[in-house]
C-alpha atoms as a PDB file:
ATOM      1  CA  MET A   1     -19.437 -24.199  22.388  1.00  0.00           C
ATOM      2  CA  GLU A   2     -21.358 -21.032  21.467  1.00  0.00           C
ATOM      3  CA  SER A   3     -20.260 -19.285  24.663  1.00  0.00           C
ATOM      4  CA  THR A   4     -16.566 -19.838  23.943  1.00  0.00           C
ATOM      5  CA  GLU A   5     -14.812 -16.548  23.160  1.00  0.00           C
ATOM      6  CA  TYR A   6     -11.975 -16.340  20.672  1.00  0.00           C
ATOM      7  CA  LYS A   7     -10.135 -13.436  19.088  1.00  0.00           C
ATOM      8  CA  CYS A   8      -9.629 -13.412  15.348  1.00  0.00           C
ATOM      9  CA  PRO A   9      -5.987 -14.370  14.701  1.00  0.00           C
ATOM     10  CA  ASN A  10      -5.960 -12.036  11.707  1.00  0.00           C
ATOM     11  CA  CYS A  11      -7.476  -8.755  12.935  1.00  0.00           C
ATOM     12  CA  ASN A  12      -7.979  -9.372  16.680  1.00  0.00           C
ATOM     13  CA  ALA A  13     -11.736  -8.727  16.567  1.00  0.00           C
ATOM     14  CA  ASN A  14     -14.135 -11.007  18.444  1.00  0.00           C
ATOM     15  CA  LEU A  15     -15.148 -14.210  16.679  1.00  0.00           C
ATOM     16  CA  LYS A  16     -18.694 -15.524  16.694  1.00  0.00           C
ATOM     17  CA  PHE A  17     -19.814 -19.126  16.385  1.00  0.00           C
ATOM     18  CA  MET A  18     -21.929 -19.677  13.256  1.00  0.00           C
ATOM     19  CA  PRO A  19     -24.360 -22.594  13.605  1.00  0.00           C
ATOM     20  CA  ASP A  20     -24.934 -22.881   9.842  1.00  0.00           C
ATOM     21  CA  THR A  21     -21.264 -23.617   9.083  1.00  0.00           C
ATOM     22  CA  GLN A  22     -20.207 -24.886  12.535  1.00  0.00           C
ATOM     23  CA  LYS A  23     -17.242 -22.494  12.334  1.00  0.00           C
ATOM     24  CA  PHE A  24     -16.063 -19.372  14.119  1.00  0.00           C
ATOM     25  CA  GLY A  25     -16.376 -16.301  11.882  1.00  0.00           C
ATOM     26  CA  CYS A  26     -15.131 -12.712  12.016  1.00  0.00           C
ATOM     27  CA  GLU A  27     -17.664 -10.108  10.922  1.00  0.00           C
ATOM     28  CA  TYR A  28     -14.901  -7.552  10.310  1.00  0.00           C
ATOM     29  CA  CYS A  29     -12.468  -9.403   8.044  1.00  0.00           C
ATOM     30  CA  SER A  30     -14.655 -12.399   7.048  1.00  0.00           C
ATOM     31  CA  SER A  31     -12.131 -14.989   8.256  1.00  0.00           C
ATOM     32  CA  GLU A  32     -13.519 -18.396   9.255  1.00  0.00           C
ATOM     33  CA  PHE A  33     -12.014 -21.142  11.432  1.00  0.00           C
ATOM     34  CA  THR A  34     -12.999 -24.524  12.756  1.00  0.00           C
ATOM     35  CA  LEU A  35     -12.859 -25.148  16.498  1.00  0.00           C
ATOM     36  CA  GLU A  36      -9.811 -27.372  16.033  1.00  0.00           C
ATOM     37  CA  GLU A  37      -8.019 -24.641  14.071  1.00  0.00           C
ATOM     38  CA  MET A  38      -8.764 -22.064  16.769  1.00  0.00           C
ATOM     39  CA  GLN A  39      -7.488 -24.349  19.532  1.00  0.00           C
ATOM     40  CA  GLU A  40      -4.308 -24.992  17.553  1.00  0.00           C
ATOM     41  CA  ILE A  41      -3.774 -21.286  16.851  1.00  0.00           C
ATOM     42  CA  ASN A  42      -4.392 -20.249  20.466  1.00  0.00           C
ATOM     43  CA  ALA A  43      -2.020 -22.918  21.735  1.00  0.00           C
ATOM     44  CA  GLU A  44       0.760 -21.340  19.665  1.00  0.00           C
ATOM     45  CA  THR A  45       0.002 -17.769  20.728  1.00  0.00           C
ATOM     46  CA  GLU A  46       2.090 -16.288  23.495  1.00  0.00           C
ATOM     47  CA  ASN A  47       0.510 -13.609  25.663  1.00  0.00           C
ATOM     48  CA  THR A  48       3.412 -11.458  26.778  1.00  0.00           C
ATOM     49  CA  SER A  49       3.251  -8.190  28.677  1.00  0.00           C
ATOM     50  CA  PRO A  50       5.243  -5.107  27.631  1.00  0.00           C
ATOM     51  CA  SER A  51       8.704  -4.906  29.138  1.00  0.00           C
ATOM     52  CA  ALA A  52       9.824  -2.002  31.332  1.00  0.00           C
ATOM     53  CA  GLU A  53      11.898  -0.689  28.418  1.00  0.00           C
ATOM     54  CA  GLU A  54       8.892  -0.769  26.075  1.00  0.00           C
ATOM     55  CA  LEU A  55       6.741   1.033  28.637  1.00  0.00           C
ATOM     56  CA  GLN A  56       9.423   3.727  28.982  1.00  0.00           C
ATOM     57  CA  GLU A  57       9.531   4.169  25.197  1.00  0.00           C
ATOM     58  CA  GLN A  58       5.751   4.590  25.119  1.00  0.00           C
ATOM     59  CA  GLN A  59       5.943   7.226  27.845  1.00  0.00           C
ATOM     60  CA  ASN A  60       8.709   9.056  25.982  1.00  0.00           C
ATOM     61  CA  PHE A  61       6.586   9.027  22.822  1.00  0.00           C
ATOM     62  CA  GLU A  62       3.567  10.425  24.698  1.00  0.00           C
ATOM     63  CA  GLU A  63       5.568  13.210  26.345  1.00  0.00           C
ATOM     64  CA  HIS A  64       7.490  14.432  23.299  1.00  0.00           C
ATOM     65  CA  THR A  65       5.033  14.072  20.404  1.00  0.00           C
ATOM     66  CA  ASN A  66       2.591  16.855  19.583  1.00  0.00           C
ATOM     67  CA  LEU A  67      -0.653  16.330  17.697  1.00  0.00           C
ATOM     68  CA  TYR A  68      -1.930  19.010  15.318  1.00  0.00           C
ATOM     69  CA  HIS A  69      -5.452  19.003  13.919  1.00  0.00           C
ATOM     70  CA  CYS A  70      -6.781  20.505  10.683  1.00  0.00           C
ATOM     71  CA  ALA A  71     -10.335  21.767  11.138  1.00  0.00           C
ATOM     72  CA  SER A  72     -10.727  22.023   7.367  1.00  0.00           C
ATOM     73  CA  CYS A  73     -10.039  18.455   6.186  1.00  0.00           C
ATOM     74  CA  GLY A  74      -9.789  16.617   9.510  1.00  0.00           C
ATOM     75  CA  ALA A  75      -6.156  15.543   9.160  1.00  0.00           C
ATOM     76  CA  ASP A  76      -4.178  14.733  12.313  1.00  0.00           C
ATOM     77  CA  ILE A  77      -0.475  15.504  12.026  1.00  0.00           C
ATOM     78  CA  MET A  78       2.278  14.396  14.391  1.00  0.00           C
ATOM     79  CA  ALA A  79       5.570  16.148  15.061  1.00  0.00           C
ATOM     80  CA  ASP A  80       8.129  16.110  17.834  1.00  0.00           C
ATOM     81  CA  ASP A  81       7.942  18.873  20.424  1.00  0.00           C
ATOM     82  CA  GLN A  82      10.840  20.739  18.775  1.00  0.00           C
ATOM     83  CA  GLN A  83       8.938  21.323  15.532  1.00  0.00           C
ATOM     84  CA  THR A  84       5.829  23.405  14.970  1.00  0.00           C
ATOM     85  CA  ALA A  85       3.357  22.508  12.248  1.00  0.00           C
ATOM     86  CA  LEU A  86       1.833  25.620  10.673  1.00  0.00           C
ATOM     87  CA  PHE A  87      -0.176  24.328   7.712  1.00  0.00           C
ATOM     88  CA  CYS A  88      -1.871  21.128   6.621  1.00  0.00           C
ATOM     89  CA  TYR A  89       0.068  19.402   3.847  1.00  0.00           C
ATOM     90  CA  TYR A  90      -3.197  17.919   2.537  1.00  0.00           C
ATOM     91  CA  CYS A  91      -5.354  21.043   2.080  1.00  0.00           C
ATOM     92  CA  HIS A  92      -2.829  23.845   2.860  1.00  0.00           C
ATOM     93  CA  ASN A  93      -5.051  25.406   5.552  1.00  0.00           C
ATOM     94  CA  PRO A  94      -3.737  26.482   8.979  1.00  0.00           C
ATOM     95  CA  ILE A  95      -3.749  23.840  11.730  1.00  0.00           C
ATOM     96  CA  ILE A  96      -3.860  24.076  15.514  1.00  0.00           C
ATOM     97  CA  LEU A  97      -2.093  22.265  18.323  1.00  0.00           C
ATOM     98  CA  ALA A  98      -4.488  19.603  19.620  1.00  0.00           C
ATOM     99  CA  GLY A  99      -2.504  18.030  22.465  1.00  0.00           C
ATOM    100  CA  LYS A 100      -0.557  14.820  22.988  1.00  0.00           C
ATOM    101  CA  LEU A 101      -0.915  11.226  21.793  1.00  0.00           C
ATOM    102  CA  THR A 102      -1.350   7.946  23.627  1.00  0.00           C
ATOM    103  CA  GLY A 103       1.270   5.223  23.437  1.00  0.00           C
ATOM    104  CA  LYS A 104      -0.856   3.107  21.084  1.00  0.00           C
ATOM    105  CA  TYR A 105       0.202   5.404  18.241  1.00  0.00           C
ATOM    106  CA  LYS A 106       3.885   4.732  18.824  1.00  0.00           C
ATOM    107  CA  PRO A 107       5.270   2.776  15.829  1.00  0.00           C
ATOM    108  CA  ASP A 108       7.128  -0.493  16.339  1.00  0.00           C
ATOM    109  CA  LYS A 109       9.725   0.321  13.694  1.00  0.00           C
ATOM    110  CA  LEU A 110      10.484   2.748  10.900  1.00  0.00           C
ATOM    111  CA  ILE A 111      12.726   3.365   7.912  1.00  0.00           C
ATOM    112  CA  GLY A 112      14.547   6.682   8.052  1.00  0.00           C
ATOM    113  CA  PHE A 113      14.769   9.135   5.169  1.00  0.00           C
ATOM    114  CA  GLN A 114      17.668   8.507   2.800  1.00  0.00           C
ATOM    115  CA  TYR A 115      16.705  11.191   0.242  1.00  0.00           C
ATOM    116  CA  THR A 116      17.062  14.800   1.364  1.00  0.00           C
ATOM    117  CA  ARG A 117      14.617  17.569   0.605  1.00  0.00           C
ATOM    118  CA  GLU A 118      17.008  18.871  -2.044  1.00  0.00           C
ATOM    119  CA  ASN A 119      17.027  15.419  -3.674  1.00  0.00           C
ATOM    120  CA  ALA A 120      13.223  15.356  -3.642  1.00  0.00           C
ATOM    121  CA  VAL A 121      12.907  18.834  -5.162  1.00  0.00           C
ATOM    122  CA  ASN A 122      15.368  17.985  -7.950  1.00  0.00           C
ATOM    123  CA  CYS A 123      13.479  14.748  -8.708  1.00  0.00           C
ATOM    124  CA  PHE A 124      10.210  16.686  -8.822  1.00  0.00           C
ATOM    125  CA  LYS A 125      11.677  19.250 -11.229  1.00  0.00           C
ATOM    126  CA  ASP A 126      12.961  16.456 -13.507  1.00  0.00           C
ATOM    127  CA  TRP A 127       9.539  14.797 -13.337  1.00  0.00           C
ATOM    128  CA  THR A 128       7.774  17.985 -14.502  1.00  0.00           C
ATOM    129  CA  LYS A 129      10.386  18.998 -17.075  1.00  0.00           C
ATOM    130  CA  ASP A 130       8.790  17.240 -20.081  1.00  0.00           C
ATOM    131  CA  LYS A 131       5.180  17.791 -19.059  1.00  0.00           C
ATOM    132  CA  TRP A 132       4.149  20.633 -21.347  1.00  0.00           C
ATOM    133  CA  PHE A 133       0.550  21.095 -20.322  1.00  0.00           C
ATOM    134  CA  ILE A 134       0.792  21.507 -16.562  1.00  0.00           C
ATOM    135  CA  PRO A 135      -0.051  24.857 -14.926  1.00  0.00           C
ATOM    136  CA  GLU A 136       2.984  27.099 -14.480  1.00  0.00           C
ATOM    137  CA  ASP A 137       2.444  27.561 -10.752  1.00  0.00           C
ATOM    138  CA  PHE A 138       2.451  23.776 -10.235  1.00  0.00           C
ATOM    139  CA  LYS A 139       6.255  23.905 -10.511  1.00  0.00           C
ATOM    140  CA  SER A 140       6.684  27.350  -8.934  1.00  0.00           C
ATOM    141  CA  GLN A 141       8.931  27.941  -5.940  1.00  0.00           C
ATOM    142  CA  GLU A 142       5.890  28.698  -3.797  1.00  0.00           C
ATOM    143  CA  GLN A 143       4.420  25.290  -4.630  1.00  0.00           C
ATOM    144  CA  ILE A 144       7.724  23.487  -4.130  1.00  0.00           C
ATOM    145  CA  GLU A 145       7.939  24.968  -0.633  1.00  0.00           C
ATOM    146  CA  LYS A 146       4.961  22.774   0.240  1.00  0.00           C
ATOM    147  CA  MET A 147       7.050  19.632  -0.313  1.00  0.00           C
ATOM    148  CA  THR A 148       6.900  17.832   3.058  1.00  0.00           C
ATOM    149  CA  GLY A 149       8.988  15.046   4.536  1.00  0.00           C
ATOM    150  CA  LEU A 150       6.310  12.746   5.896  1.00  0.00           C
ATOM    151  CA  TYR A 151       6.374   9.471   7.786  1.00  0.00           C
ATOM    152  CA  VAL A 152       3.320   7.561   6.547  1.00  0.00           C
ATOM    153  CA  PRO A 153       1.808   4.941   8.874  1.00  0.00           C
ATOM    154  CA  PHE A 154       1.697   1.394   7.534  1.00  0.00           C
ATOM    155  CA  TRP A 155       0.476  -1.935   8.793  1.00  0.00           C
ATOM    156  CA  ILE A 156       2.876  -4.703   7.801  1.00  0.00           C
ATOM    157  CA  ALA A 157       1.442  -8.221   7.887  1.00  0.00           C
ATOM    158  CA  ASP A 158       3.051 -11.651   7.997  1.00  0.00           C
ATOM    159  CA  CYS A 159       0.328 -14.101   6.959  1.00  0.00           C
ATOM    160  CA  ASN A 160       0.265 -17.856   7.455  1.00  0.00           C
ATOM    161  CA  MET A 161      -2.181 -19.542   5.135  1.00  0.00           C
ATOM    162  CA  LYS A 162      -3.324 -22.940   3.961  1.00  0.00           C
ATOM    163  CA  ALA A 163      -3.371 -23.500   0.209  1.00  0.00           C
ATOM    164  CA  ASP A 164      -5.515 -26.176  -1.409  1.00  0.00           C
ATOM    165  CA  LEU A 165      -5.661 -26.675  -5.177  1.00  0.00           C
ATOM    166  CA  SER A 166      -7.211 -29.364  -7.346  1.00  0.00           C
ATOM    167  CA  ALA A 167      -6.595 -29.379 -11.092  1.00  0.00           C
ATOM    168  CA  ILE A 168      -6.284 -31.505 -14.215  1.00  0.00           C
ATOM    169  CA  GLY A 169      -2.964 -31.420 -16.018  1.00  0.00           C
ATOM    170  CA  LYS A 170      -2.753 -32.523 -19.639  1.00  0.00           C
ATOM    171  CA  GLN A 171       0.251 -33.797 -21.538  1.00  0.00           C
ATOM    172  CA  VAL A 172      -0.206 -33.752 -25.295  1.00  0.00           C
ATOM    173  CA  ARG A 173       2.179 -35.559 -27.659  1.00  0.00           C
ATOM    174  CA  SER A 174       1.854 -35.642 -31.469  1.00  0.00           C
ATOM    175  CA  TRP A 175       3.795 -37.593 -34.099  1.00  0.00           C
ATOM    176  CA  THR A 176       3.539 -38.742 -37.716  1.00  0.00           C
ATOM    177  CA  SER A 177       3.836 -42.347 -38.889  1.00  0.00           C
ATOM    178  CA  GLY A 178       3.396 -43.063 -42.561  1.00  0.00           C
ATOM    179  CA  ASP A 179       0.358 -41.244 -43.833  1.00  0.00           C
ATOM    180  CA  TYR A 180      -1.142 -40.754 -40.389  1.00  0.00           C
ATOM    181  CA  ARG A 181      -0.849 -38.080 -37.755  1.00  0.00           C
ATOM    182  CA  TYR A 182      -1.267 -39.278 -34.177  1.00  0.00           C
ATOM    183  CA  THR A 183      -2.046 -37.272 -31.048  1.00  0.00           C
ATOM    184  CA  GLU A 184      -1.841 -38.730 -27.558  1.00  0.00           C
ATOM    185  CA  THR A 185      -3.424 -36.902 -24.620  1.00  0.00           C
ATOM    186  CA  LYS A 186      -2.789 -37.945 -21.048  1.00  0.00           C
ATOM    187  CA  GLU A 187      -4.637 -36.449 -18.094  1.00  0.00           C
ATOM    188  CA  PHE A 188      -3.272 -36.282 -14.561  1.00  0.00           C
ATOM    189  CA  SER A 189      -4.824 -35.271 -11.287  1.00  0.00           C
ATOM    190  CA  VAL A 190      -2.855 -32.349  -9.851  1.00  0.00           C
ATOM    191  CA  ILE A 191      -3.143 -31.737  -6.103  1.00  0.00           C
ATOM    192  CA  ARG A 192      -1.380 -29.036  -4.127  1.00  0.00           C
ATOM    193  CA  GLN A 193      -1.831 -28.684  -0.382  1.00  0.00           C
ATOM    194  CA  ALA A 194       0.610 -26.484   1.496  1.00  0.00           C
ATOM    195  CA  ASP A 195       1.209 -24.188   4.438  1.00  0.00           C
ATOM    196  CA  ILE A 196       2.470 -20.895   3.022  1.00  0.00           C
ATOM    197  CA  SER A 197       3.937 -17.863   4.747  1.00  0.00           C
ATOM    198  CA  ALA A 198       3.570 -14.503   2.987  1.00  0.00           C
ATOM    199  CA  ASP A 199       5.642 -11.960   4.927  1.00  0.00           C
ATOM    200  CA  GLY A 200       6.012  -8.192   4.828  1.00  0.00           C
ATOM    201  CA  ILE A 201       2.767  -7.317   3.050  1.00  0.00           C
ATOM    202  CA  PRO A 202       2.176  -3.549   3.433  1.00  0.00           C
ATOM    203  CA  ALA A 203      -1.017  -1.504   3.630  1.00  0.00           C
ATOM    204  CA  ASP A 204      -0.959   2.211   4.402  1.00  0.00           C
ATOM    205  CA  ALA A 205      -3.032   3.221   7.426  1.00  0.00           C
ATOM    206  CA  GLU A 206      -3.854   6.790   6.358  1.00  0.00           C
ATOM    207  CA  SER A 207      -7.239   7.300   4.692  1.00  0.00           C
ATOM    208  CA  LYS A 208      -6.352  10.691   3.179  1.00  0.00           C
ATOM    209  CA  ILE A 209      -3.620   9.302   0.913  1.00  0.00           C
ATOM    210  CA  GLU A 210      -4.666   7.260  -2.105  1.00  0.00           C
ATOM    211  CA  ASP A 211      -3.769   3.585  -1.646  1.00  0.00           C
ATOM    212  CA  LEU A 212      -2.756   3.335  -5.304  1.00  0.00           C
ATOM    213  CA  LEU A 213      -0.321   6.244  -4.880  1.00  0.00           C
ATOM    214  CA  MET A 214       1.415   4.500  -1.979  1.00  0.00           C
ATOM    215  CA  GLU A 215       1.502   1.179  -3.834  1.00  0.00           C
ATOM    216  CA  SER A 216       3.010   2.967  -6.837  1.00  0.00           C
ATOM    217  CA  ILE A 217       6.134   3.996  -4.900  1.00  0.00           C
ATOM    218  CA  GLU A 218       6.710   0.516  -3.429  1.00  0.00           C
ATOM    219  CA  PRO A 219       8.732  -1.476  -2.649  1.00  0.00           C
ATOM    220  CA  TYR A 220      10.615  -0.499   0.476  1.00  0.00           C
ATOM    221  CA  ASP A 221      13.656  -2.455   1.600  1.00  0.00           C
ATOM    222  CA  TYR A 222      12.746  -3.803   5.042  1.00  0.00           C
ATOM    223  CA  ASN A 223      16.395  -4.530   5.759  1.00  0.00           C
ATOM    224  CA  ASP A 224      16.598  -0.840   6.724  1.00  0.00           C
ATOM    225  CA  LEU A 225      13.873  -1.113   9.387  1.00  0.00           C
ATOM    226  CA  LYS A 226      15.034   0.307  12.714  1.00  0.00           C
ATOM    227  CA  ASP A 227      13.504   0.264  16.163  1.00  0.00           C
ATOM    228  CA  PHE A 228      11.459   3.428  16.581  1.00  0.00           C
ATOM    229  CA  SER A 229      13.208   6.406  18.135  1.00  0.00           C
ATOM    230  CA  MET A 230      11.907   9.959  18.526  1.00  0.00           C
ATOM    231  CA  SER A 231      15.165  11.225  16.990  1.00  0.00           C
ATOM    232  CA  TYR A 232      13.956  10.138  13.530  1.00  0.00           C
ATOM    233  CA  PHE A 233      11.070  12.611  13.761  1.00  0.00           C
ATOM    234  CA  SER A 234      13.432  15.569  14.006  1.00  0.00           C
ATOM    235  CA  GLY A 235      12.754  17.855  11.031  1.00  0.00           C
ATOM    236  CA  PHE A 236       9.910  15.718   9.685  1.00  0.00           C
ATOM    237  CA  PHE A 237       6.191  15.189  10.186  1.00  0.00           C
ATOM    238  CA  ALA A 238       4.130  12.037  10.559  1.00  0.00           C
ATOM    239  CA  ASP A 239       0.536  10.969  10.155  1.00  0.00           C
ATOM    240  CA  LYS A 240      -1.529   9.449  12.933  1.00  0.00           C
ATOM    241  CA  PHE A 241      -3.044   6.247  11.614  1.00  0.00           C
ATOM    242  CA  ASP A 242      -6.816   6.362  11.137  1.00  0.00           C
ATOM    243  CA  VAL A 243      -7.301   2.987   9.431  1.00  0.00           C
ATOM    244  CA  ASP A 244      -7.016   0.041  11.808  1.00  0.00           C
ATOM    245  CA  LYS A 245      -6.102  -3.600  11.177  1.00  0.00           C
ATOM    246  CA  PRO A 246      -9.624  -4.927  10.485  1.00  0.00           C
ATOM    247  CA  ASP A 247     -10.116  -2.247   7.815  1.00  0.00           C
ATOM    248  CA  VAL A 248      -6.873  -2.920   5.928  1.00  0.00           C
ATOM    249  CA  PHE A 249      -7.118  -6.708   6.214  1.00  0.00           C
ATOM    250  CA  PRO A 250      -9.162  -7.127   2.982  1.00  0.00           C
ATOM    251  CA  ARG A 251      -6.276  -5.487   1.083  1.00  0.00           C
ATOM    252  CA  ILE A 252      -3.761  -7.637   2.944  1.00  0.00           C
ATOM    253  CA  ARG A 253      -5.740 -10.801   2.228  1.00  0.00           C
ATOM    254  CA  GLU A 254      -5.978  -9.987  -1.484  1.00  0.00           C
ATOM    255  CA  ARG A 255      -2.240  -9.410  -1.801  1.00  0.00           C
ATOM    256  CA  ALA A 256      -1.322 -12.436   0.341  1.00  0.00           C
ATOM    257  CA  SER A 257      -3.687 -14.726  -1.581  1.00  0.00           C
ATOM    258  CA  GLU A 258      -2.271 -13.523  -4.895  1.00  0.00           C
ATOM    259  CA  ALA A 259       1.276 -14.226  -3.674  1.00  0.00           C
ATOM    260  CA  GLY A 260       0.227 -17.701  -2.482  1.00  0.00           C
ATOM    261  CA  ARG A 261      -1.598 -18.398  -5.724  1.00  0.00           C
ATOM    262  CA  LYS A 262       1.463 -17.470  -7.796  1.00  0.00           C
ATOM    263  CA  LEU A 263       3.692 -19.702  -5.668  1.00  0.00           C
ATOM    264  CA  VAL A 264       1.355 -22.689  -6.040  1.00  0.00           C
ATOM    265  CA  HIS A 265       0.797 -22.199  -9.773  1.00  0.00           C
ATOM    266  CA  ASP A 266       4.542 -21.813 -10.392  1.00  0.00           C
ATOM    267  CA  SER A 267       5.062 -25.227  -8.786  1.00  0.00           C
ATOM    268  CA  ILE A 268       2.915 -26.930 -11.461  1.00  0.00           C
ATOM    269  CA  THR A 269       5.199 -27.711 -14.381  1.00  0.00           C
ATOM    270  CA  GLY A 270       5.560 -30.326 -17.093  1.00  0.00           C
ATOM    271  CA  TYR A 271       2.040 -30.077 -18.522  1.00  0.00           C
ATOM    272  CA  SER A 272       0.788 -28.785 -21.868  1.00  0.00           C
ATOM    273  CA  SER A 273      -2.179 -27.206 -20.094  1.00  0.00           C
ATOM    274  CA  VAL A 274      -3.680 -27.066 -16.619  1.00  0.00           C
ATOM    275  CA  SER A 275      -7.387 -26.672 -15.793  1.00  0.00           C
ATOM    276  CA  VAL A 276      -8.071 -25.695 -12.193  1.00  0.00           C
ATOM    277  CA  ASN A 277     -11.143 -27.308 -10.661  1.00  0.00           C
ATOM    278  CA  SER A 278     -10.944 -25.598  -7.273  1.00  0.00           C
ATOM    279  CA  GLU A 279      -8.454 -23.626  -5.209  1.00  0.00           C
ATOM    280  CA  SER A 280      -8.493 -21.792  -1.892  1.00  0.00           C
ATOM    281  CA  TYR A 281      -5.984 -19.726   0.087  1.00  0.00           C
ATOM    282  CA  ASN A 282      -7.188 -19.312   3.651  1.00  0.00           C
ATOM    283  CA  ILE A 283      -5.197 -17.087   6.020  1.00  0.00           C
ATOM    284  CA  MET A 284      -5.020 -18.846   9.382  1.00  0.00           C
ATOM    285  CA  SER A 285      -3.119 -16.225  11.380  1.00  0.00           C
ATOM    286  CA  THR A 286      -1.545 -12.816  10.877  1.00  0.00           C
ATOM    287  CA  LYS A 287       1.308 -11.163  12.735  1.00  0.00           C
ATOM    288  CA  TRP A 288       1.202  -7.359  12.567  1.00  0.00           C
ATOM    289  CA  GLN A 289       3.744  -4.576  12.852  1.00  0.00           C
ATOM    290  CA  TYR A 290       2.896  -0.888  12.934  1.00  0.00           C
ATOM    291  CA  ILE A 291       5.672   0.974  11.122  1.00  0.00           C
ATOM    292  CA  MET A 292       6.412   4.373   9.580  1.00  0.00           C
ATOM    293  CA  LEU A 293       7.774   4.666   6.043  1.00  0.00           C
ATOM    294  CA  PRO A 294       9.393   7.829   4.601  1.00  0.00           C
ATOM    295  CA  VAL A 295       7.612   9.756   1.844  1.00  0.00           C
ATOM    296  CA  TRP A 296       8.264  13.147   0.312  1.00  0.00           C
ATOM    297  CA  PHE A 297       4.730  14.379  -0.237  1.00  0.00           C
ATOM    298  CA  MET A 298       3.074  17.338  -1.935  1.00  0.00           C
ATOM    299  CA  THR A 299      -0.484  18.290  -2.864  1.00  0.00           C
ATOM    300  CA  TYR A 300      -1.709  20.829  -5.407  1.00  0.00           C
ATOM    301  CA  LYS A 301      -5.233  22.218  -5.739  1.00  0.00           C
ATOM    302  CA  TYR A 302      -6.334  23.005  -9.282  1.00  0.00           C
ATOM    303  CA  ASN A 303      -9.915  23.726 -10.385  1.00  0.00           C
ATOM    304  CA  ASP A 304     -11.241  22.535  -7.014  1.00  0.00           C
ATOM    305  CA  LYS A 305      -9.511  19.167  -7.365  1.00  0.00           C
ATOM    306  CA  MET A 306      -6.538  18.036  -5.248  1.00  0.00           C
ATOM    307  CA  TYR A 307      -3.572  16.409  -6.989  1.00  0.00           C
ATOM    308  CA  GLU A 308      -0.921  14.396  -5.116  1.00  0.00           C
ATOM    309  CA  PHE A 309       2.785  13.816  -5.715  1.00  0.00           C
ATOM    310  CA  ALA A 310       4.784  11.318  -3.682  1.00  0.00           C
ATOM    311  CA  MET A 311       8.368  10.088  -3.662  1.00  0.00           C
ATOM    312  CA  ASN A 312       9.728   7.104  -1.777  1.00  0.00           C
ATOM    313  CA  GLY A 313      12.090   8.649   0.787  1.00  0.00           C
ATOM    314  CA  GLN A 314      14.259   5.528   0.805  1.00  0.00           C
ATOM    315  CA  THR A 315      14.604   4.624  -2.900  1.00  0.00           C
ATOM    316  CA  GLY A 316      13.612   7.800  -4.788  1.00  0.00           C
ATOM    317  CA  LYS A 317      10.814   6.100  -6.739  1.00  0.00           C
ATOM    318  CA  LEU A 318       8.102   8.652  -7.482  1.00  0.00           C
ATOM    319  CA  ALA A 319       4.494   8.732  -8.619  1.00  0.00           C
ATOM    320  CA  GLY A 320       1.687  11.200  -9.091  1.00  0.00           C
ATOM    321  CA  THR A 321      -0.897  12.581 -11.497  1.00  0.00           C
ATOM    322  CA  PRO A 322      -0.060  16.114 -12.676  1.00  0.00           C
ATOM    323  CA  PRO A 323      -2.899  18.578 -13.350  1.00  0.00           C
ATOM    324  CA  LEU A 324      -3.713  19.423 -16.948  1.00  0.00           C
ATOM    325  CA  ASP A 325      -3.915  23.086 -17.985  1.00  0.00           C
ATOM    326  CA  LYS A 326      -6.715  22.983 -20.560  1.00  0.00           C
ATOM    327  CA  THR A 327      -5.963  26.517 -21.751  1.00  0.00           C
ATOM    328  CA  LYS A 328      -2.401  25.496 -22.671  1.00  0.00           C
ATOM    329  CA  LEU A 329      -3.691  22.370 -24.388  1.00  0.00           C
ATOM    330  CA  LYS A 330      -6.273  24.366 -26.359  1.00  0.00           C
ATOM    331  CA  LEU A 331      -3.695  26.912 -27.479  1.00  0.00           C
ATOM    332  CA  PHE A 332      -1.352  24.113 -28.541  1.00  0.00           C
ATOM    333  CA  SER A 333      -4.105  22.347 -30.478  1.00  0.00           C
ATOM    334  CA  THR A 334      -5.062  25.615 -32.170  1.00  0.00           C
ATOM    335  CA  ALA A 335      -1.443  26.262 -33.131  1.00  0.00           C
ATOM    336  CA  ILE A 336      -1.096  22.748 -34.565  1.00  0.00           C
ATOM    337  CA  GLY A 337      -4.329  23.215 -36.499  1.00  0.00           C
ATOM    338  CA  LEU A 338      -3.110  26.504 -37.963  1.00  0.00           C
ATOM    339  CA  ALA A 339       0.250  24.991 -38.873  1.00  0.00           C
ATOM    340  CA  VAL A 340      -1.461  22.105 -40.673  1.00  0.00           C
ATOM    341  CA  ALA A 341      -3.736  24.549 -42.499  1.00  0.00           C
ATOM    342  CA  VAL A 342      -0.769  26.677 -43.609  1.00  0.00           C
ATOM    343  CA  VAL A 343       1.168  23.623 -44.837  1.00  0.00           C
ATOM    344  CA  GLY A 344      -1.906  22.401 -46.682  1.00  0.00           C
ATOM    345  CA  PHE A 345      -2.383  25.803 -48.312  1.00  0.00           C
ATOM    346  CA  LEU A 346       1.286  26.003 -49.377  1.00  0.00           C
ATOM    347  CA  LEU A 347       1.250  22.477 -50.768  1.00  0.00           C
ATOM    348  CA  GLY A 348      -2.035  23.145 -52.532  1.00  0.00           C
ATOM    349  CA  GLY A 349      -0.597  26.304 -54.079  1.00  0.00           C
ATOM    350  CA  ALA A 350       2.463  24.421 -55.280  1.00  0.00           C
ATOM    351  CA  PHE A 351       0.294  22.196 -57.492  1.00  0.00           C
ATOM    352  CA  LEU A 352      -1.685  25.031 -59.074  1.00  0.00           C
END
């Protein structure tokens, strides 16, 4: 049994047999499976080879996609061979052409931009309009020119998991009869066992962009997903993914388990209270897609710290943390203090 080789159905890493638990475990994503579960999963897995059309698409991607490298921050930027990248949108330093890409970096699908650059700039200006204490050059034309249409790499996961919950549900009923108040408490054993599918869970595959920033501009409407075509890259840039499936799986598992937990807990109704004794949400297999999602992206360096602004290129939802100009804030506080002092002096004089 120990010599049997299996691939993890969640992250595709090698599984190892663990004598202490008599299960197969993945050291990358911490998934565990019994031998029977692995045999069942493998029996359902189809091993298909790429079609001639898919191979041609990979070749087209390799021939017409340039890779640019930033020696300053290490970013790798993709663009079609009709567009030249001159600066790094992360650190604003010059970048150099570094060659071509292999077909493994070709996305399965993408969502095209639905907001233009003009839309993004107007949204950014509205976003900064009521922020009094940001540096003036943060909203300058020179800074706005750094707004970049960027396809961000994402792993999208469809997770199949087994849910198992054991709890005690209580029904409490109270009534009054004569001079007495009665309370009746009934306890019930609550069991939930289910196979749950949590589909379309995203995790960005670019380490240089804050995960929280990308989560803040979700959701995307997957109904707009299209088969990848180089034509979508025209006029835009893209990131080469540098975070692979095993590394994003902990985030995927957390979000999938939370979705499964909510579904199971929402199914428990009719009780005054529920006390959970035990519950588990084990992901048994994961189907992955590598996709590109549209983001209007801009960075700003202030006092040696980099600030990021992002806007969902499909829905217009935006997020970011603007820099704080402490000099402006200090001047404002001083002015408020003086105004309060003057008012206090005038009011004090009025009562003399």
